[in-house]
């Protein structure tokens, strides 16, 4: 499974990369720090999963799902936010899950596994 990391906080991306590199079935191929590069990264890398910082600079929520569709296929999108009130907005926008950035790393892996289980 190919993963795209999209978060404006470099320490968050670094921690996610370290966590996900331990999983042999997951491949982190691309990182972006702002929404301006997100569409190009999605088109170039065609990820299966996007871990998306919900407060990504320049992110327009209404364009979120059409932005991520490539050749009629939409990757699993998991939002991440340190703001608990963002969870419902993210779910309403169509993401598979929303994770609080303050939660343990195991929650990220659980959300990925749960989302994959729903998609398979």
Protein backbone atom coordinates (compact mmCIF):
# COMPACT_ATOMS: atom_id res chain seq x y z
CA UNK A 1 0.00 0.00 0.00
CA UNK A 2 1.38 3.36 -1.04
CA UNK A 3 0.96 6.24 1.42
CA UNK A 4 1.12 9.98 0.87
CA UNK A 5 1.86 12.07 3.97
CA UNK A 6 0.33 15.55 3.83
CA UNK A 7 0.98 17.70 6.89
CA UNK A 8 2.48 21.13 7.35
CA UNK A 9 4.39 20.07 10.47
CA UNK A 10 7.69 18.43 9.55
CA UNK A 11 8.03 16.68 12.95
CA UNK A 12 4.61 15.06 12.41
CA UNK A 13 5.61 13.83 8.95
CA UNK A 14 8.93 12.53 10.31
CA UNK A 15 7.23 10.66 13.18
CA UNK A 16 4.66 9.15 10.81
CA UNK A 17 7.39 8.08 8.41
CA UNK A 18 9.33 6.36 11.23
CA UNK A 19 6.17 4.61 12.42
CA UNK A 20 4.99 3.49 9.00
CA UNK A 21 8.41 2.31 7.82
CA UNK A 22 8.12 -0.43 10.46
CA UNK A 23 5.14 -1.88 8.58
CA UNK A 24 6.39 -4.04 5.72
CA UNK A 25 3.17 -3.75 3.71
CA UNK A 26 3.18 0.07 3.74
CA UNK A 27 5.33 2.25 1.50
CA UNK A 28 5.70 5.98 2.11
CA UNK A 29 6.44 7.46 -1.26
CA UNK A 30 5.59 11.09 -1.03
CA UNK A 31 5.26 13.95 1.45
CA UNK A 32 3.71 17.39 1.02
CA UNK A 33 3.60 20.35 3.41
CA UNK A 34 0.81 22.38 1.80
CA UNK A 35 -2.31 21.87 -0.27
CA UNK A 36 -0.77 23.52 -3.33
CA UNK A 37 1.39 20.45 -3.93
CA UNK A 38 -1.23 17.90 -2.94
CA UNK A 39 -2.97 17.43 -6.30
CA UNK A 40 0.31 17.02 -8.19
CA UNK A 41 1.56 14.53 -5.59
CA UNK A 42 -1.66 12.53 -5.86
CA UNK A 43 -1.47 12.47 -9.65
CA UNK A 44 2.23 11.53 -9.70
CA UNK A 45 2.23 8.97 -6.90
CA UNK A 46 -1.36 7.54 -7.05
CA UNK A 47 -1.41 6.66 -3.35
CA UNK A 48 -3.69 4.06 -1.82
CA UNK A 49 -3.86 6.01 1.44
CA UNK A 50 -3.50 9.71 2.24
CA UNK A 51 -2.71 10.74 5.82
CA UNK A 52 -3.93 14.32 5.70
CA UNK A 53 -3.28 17.09 8.20
CA UNK A 54 -6.73 18.65 8.40
CA UNK A 55 -5.27 22.12 8.87
CA UNK A 56 -3.00 21.79 5.82
CA UNK A 57 -2.32 25.33 4.54
CA UNK A 58 -4.46 26.13 1.52
CA UNK A 59 -6.73 23.09 1.92
CA UNK A 60 -10.21 23.72 0.55
CA UNK A 61 -12.46 21.11 2.11
CA UNK A 62 -15.11 21.37 -0.63
CA UNK A 63 -12.47 20.37 -3.21
CA UNK A 64 -11.01 17.63 -1.06
CA UNK A 65 -12.59 14.50 -2.55
CA UNK A 66 -12.60 15.58 -6.21
CA UNK A 67 -8.98 16.65 -5.70
CA UNK A 68 -7.97 13.17 -4.65
CA UNK A 69 -9.69 11.16 -7.41
CA UNK A 70 -7.27 9.79 -10.02
CA UNK A 71 -8.57 7.78 -12.98
CA UNK A 72 -11.88 7.24 -11.21
CA UNK A 73 -10.16 5.82 -8.12
CA UNK A 74 -10.10 7.61 -4.80
CA UNK A 75 -7.49 6.74 -2.17
CA UNK A 76 -8.48 6.10 1.42
CA UNK A 77 -8.19 9.41 3.22
CA UNK A 78 -7.46 9.60 6.95
CA UNK A 79 -7.54 13.08 8.47
CA UNK A 80 -5.33 14.12 11.37
CA UNK A 81 -5.96 17.09 13.61
CA UNK A 82 -5.04 18.32 17.06
CA UNK A 83 -8.48 19.96 17.27
CA UNK A 84 -11.20 17.55 18.48
CA UNK A 85 -13.91 19.68 16.85
CA UNK A 86 -12.38 18.98 13.42
CA UNK A 87 -13.35 15.31 13.59
CA UNK A 88 -16.98 15.73 12.55
CA UNK A 89 -16.12 18.19 9.76
CA UNK A 90 -13.56 15.74 8.37
CA UNK A 91 -15.98 12.83 8.52
CA UNK A 92 -18.70 14.96 6.89
CA UNK A 93 -16.23 15.72 4.07
CA UNK A 94 -15.92 12.00 3.39
CA UNK A 95 -12.68 10.89 5.00
CA UNK A 96 -12.52 7.30 6.26
CA UNK A 97 -11.35 8.31 9.72
CA UNK A 98 -10.08 11.25 11.75
CA UNK A 99 -7.27 10.83 14.25
CA UNK A 100 -6.31 13.25 16.99
CA UNK A 101 -2.60 14.05 16.57
CA UNK A 102 -2.12 13.70 20.32
CA UNK A 103 -3.16 10.03 20.34
CA UNK A 104 -0.66 7.17 20.52
CA UNK A 105 1.00 5.93 17.34
CA UNK A 106 -0.95 2.69 17.56
CA UNK A 107 -4.11 4.68 16.78
CA UNK A 108 -2.70 5.66 13.37
CA UNK A 109 -2.01 2.03 12.51
CA UNK A 110 -5.43 0.98 13.80
CA UNK A 111 -7.14 3.63 11.66
CA UNK A 112 -5.25 2.45 8.58
CA UNK A 113 -6.12 -1.19 9.25
CA UNK A 114 -9.77 -0.34 9.93
CA UNK A 115 -10.01 1.75 6.75
CA UNK A 116 -8.38 -0.99 4.68
CA UNK A 117 -10.82 -3.50 6.12
CA UNK A 118 -13.74 -1.36 5.01
CA UNK A 119 -12.27 -0.79 1.55
CA UNK A 120 -11.26 -4.39 0.76
